């Protein structure tokens, strides 16, 4: 039998916490900033990468545009 995910529970237990919502809002803010600068467009397959891995540090020197594959590959290892 296939496993059925409980998305509502996942949101309640993790994605809906204040800490996670603030991180998501900071990443969205960086994306909007780069869209305003004309560096990315919706649906272009590019990600806005935080060089220091801190989504709250949205200084222009910390942001760069990379393709989605590269951004996923360079994520820090979780232990």
C-alpha atoms as a PDB file:
ATOM      1  CA  UNK A   1       0.000   0.000   0.000  1.00  0.00           C
ATOM      2  CA  UNK A   2       1.331   3.431  -0.924  1.00  0.00           C
ATOM      3  CA  UNK A   3       2.179   5.937   1.766  1.00  0.00           C
ATOM      4  CA  UNK A   4      -0.141   8.954   1.801  1.00  0.00           C
ATOM      5  CA  UNK A   5       1.359  12.227   3.039  1.00  0.00           C
ATOM      6  CA  UNK A   6      -0.553  14.343   5.515  1.00  0.00           C
ATOM      7  CA  UNK A   7       0.271  17.830   4.242  1.00  0.00           C
ATOM      8  CA  UNK A   8      -1.895  19.559   6.847  1.00  0.00           C
ATOM      9  CA  UNK A   9       0.039  17.841   9.642  1.00  0.00           C
ATOM     10  CA  UNK A  10       3.380  18.723   8.021  1.00  0.00           C
ATOM     11  CA  UNK A  11       2.346  22.373   7.872  1.00  0.00           C
ATOM     12  CA  UNK A  12       1.088  22.352  11.461  1.00  0.00           C
ATOM     13  CA  UNK A  13       4.190  20.655  12.835  1.00  0.00           C
ATOM     14  CA  UNK A  14       6.901  22.356  10.798  1.00  0.00           C
ATOM     15  CA  UNK A  15       6.105  24.689   7.900  1.00  0.00           C
ATOM     16  CA  UNK A  16       3.653  26.766   9.903  1.00  0.00           C
ATOM     17  CA  UNK A  17       6.041  27.626  12.738  1.00  0.00           C
ATOM     18  CA  UNK A  18       7.075  31.258  13.133  1.00  0.00           C
ATOM     19  CA  UNK A  19      10.765  30.500  12.536  1.00  0.00           C
ATOM     20  CA  UNK A  20      10.088  28.741   9.221  1.00  0.00           C
ATOM     21  CA  UNK A  21       7.621  31.421   8.077  1.00  0.00           C
ATOM     22  CA  UNK A  22      10.179  34.181   8.741  1.00  0.00           C
ATOM     23  CA  UNK A  23      12.863  32.302   6.768  1.00  0.00           C
ATOM     24  CA  UNK A  24      10.453  31.804   3.848  1.00  0.00           C
ATOM     25  CA  UNK A  25       9.486  35.499   3.906  1.00  0.00           C
ATOM     26  CA  UNK A  26      13.175  36.504   3.843  1.00  0.00           C
ATOM     27  CA  UNK A  27      13.855  34.236   0.846  1.00  0.00           C
ATOM     28  CA  UNK A  28      10.804  35.656  -0.959  1.00  0.00           C
ATOM     29  CA  UNK A  29      12.021  39.189  -0.235  1.00  0.00           C
ATOM     30  CA  UNK A  30      15.399  38.393  -1.821  1.00  0.00           C
ATOM     31  CA  UNK A  31      13.634  36.982  -4.894  1.00  0.00           C
ATOM     32  CA  UNK A  32      11.455  40.108  -5.234  1.00  0.00           C
ATOM     33  CA  UNK A  33      14.550  42.314  -4.924  1.00  0.00           C
ATOM     34  CA  UNK A  34      16.307  40.461  -7.752  1.00  0.00           C
ATOM     35  CA  UNK A  35      13.145  40.588  -9.899  1.00  0.00           C
ATOM     36  CA  UNK A  36      13.011  44.340  -9.384  1.00  0.00           C
ATOM     37  CA  UNK A  37      16.656  44.618 -10.471  1.00  0.00           C
ATOM     38  CA  UNK A  38      15.832  42.608 -13.613  1.00  0.00           C
ATOM     39  CA  UNK A  39      18.166  39.713 -12.764  1.00  0.00           C
ATOM     40  CA  UNK A  40      15.465  37.001 -12.619  1.00  0.00           C
ATOM     41  CA  UNK A  41      11.982  36.459 -14.007  1.00  0.00           C
ATOM     42  CA  UNK A  42       9.161  34.222 -12.953  1.00  0.00           C
ATOM     43  CA  UNK A  43       9.542  30.765 -14.503  1.00  0.00           C
ATOM     44  CA  UNK A  44      13.139  31.259 -15.689  1.00  0.00           C
ATOM     45  CA  UNK A  45      14.516  28.261 -13.734  1.00  0.00           C
ATOM     46  CA  UNK A  46      16.907  30.458 -11.757  1.00  0.00           C
ATOM     47  CA  UNK A  47      17.279  30.702  -7.999  1.00  0.00           C
ATOM     48  CA  UNK A  48      18.465  33.576  -5.852  1.00  0.00           C
ATOM     49  CA  UNK A  49      21.330  32.135  -3.826  1.00  0.00           C
ATOM     50  CA  UNK A  50      22.471  33.439  -0.451  1.00  0.00           C
ATOM     51  CA  UNK A  51      26.243  33.010  -0.481  1.00  0.00           C
ATOM     52  CA  UNK A  52      26.468  32.671   3.312  1.00  0.00           C
ATOM     53  CA  UNK A  53      23.371  30.382   3.505  1.00  0.00           C
ATOM     54  CA  UNK A  54      21.581  32.918   5.755  1.00  0.00           C
ATOM     55  CA  UNK A  55      18.193  33.837   4.239  1.00  0.00           C
ATOM     56  CA  UNK A  56      17.954  36.880   6.535  1.00  0.00           C
ATOM     57  CA  UNK A  57      21.109  38.436   5.050  1.00  0.00           C
ATOM     58  CA  UNK A  58      19.658  40.048   1.926  1.00  0.00           C
ATOM     59  CA  UNK A  59      22.493  42.482   1.267  1.00  0.00           C
ATOM     60  CA  UNK A  60      23.197  42.756  -2.473  1.00  0.00           C
ATOM     61  CA  UNK A  61      26.757  41.473  -2.006  1.00  0.00           C
ATOM     62  CA  UNK A  62      25.377  38.259  -0.467  1.00  0.00           C
ATOM     63  CA  UNK A  63      22.908  37.513  -3.281  1.00  0.00           C
ATOM     64  CA  UNK A  64      23.602  35.945  -6.652  1.00  0.00           C
ATOM     65  CA  UNK A  65      21.574  34.279  -9.398  1.00  0.00           C
ATOM     66  CA  UNK A  66      22.307  30.624 -10.134  1.00  0.00           C
ATOM     67  CA  UNK A  67      20.405  27.874 -11.891  1.00  0.00           C
ATOM     68  CA  UNK A  68      18.236  25.741  -9.619  1.00  0.00           C
ATOM     69  CA  UNK A  69      20.423  22.631  -9.960  1.00  0.00           C
ATOM     70  CA  UNK A  70      23.544  24.476  -8.801  1.00  0.00           C
ATOM     71  CA  UNK A  71      21.723  25.980  -5.839  1.00  0.00           C
ATOM     72  CA  UNK A  72      20.458  22.565  -4.694  1.00  0.00           C
ATOM     73  CA  UNK A  73      23.915  21.016  -5.027  1.00  0.00           C
ATOM     74  CA  UNK A  74      25.702  23.568  -2.877  1.00  0.00           C
ATOM     75  CA  UNK A  75      23.411  23.392   0.146  1.00  0.00           C
ATOM     76  CA  UNK A  76      25.284  22.692   3.389  1.00  0.00           C
ATOM     77  CA  UNK A  77      25.292  19.091   4.517  1.00  0.00           C
ATOM     78  CA  UNK A  78      22.879  18.315   7.321  1.00  0.00           C
ATOM     79  CA  UNK A  79      23.950  15.920  10.013  1.00  0.00           C
END
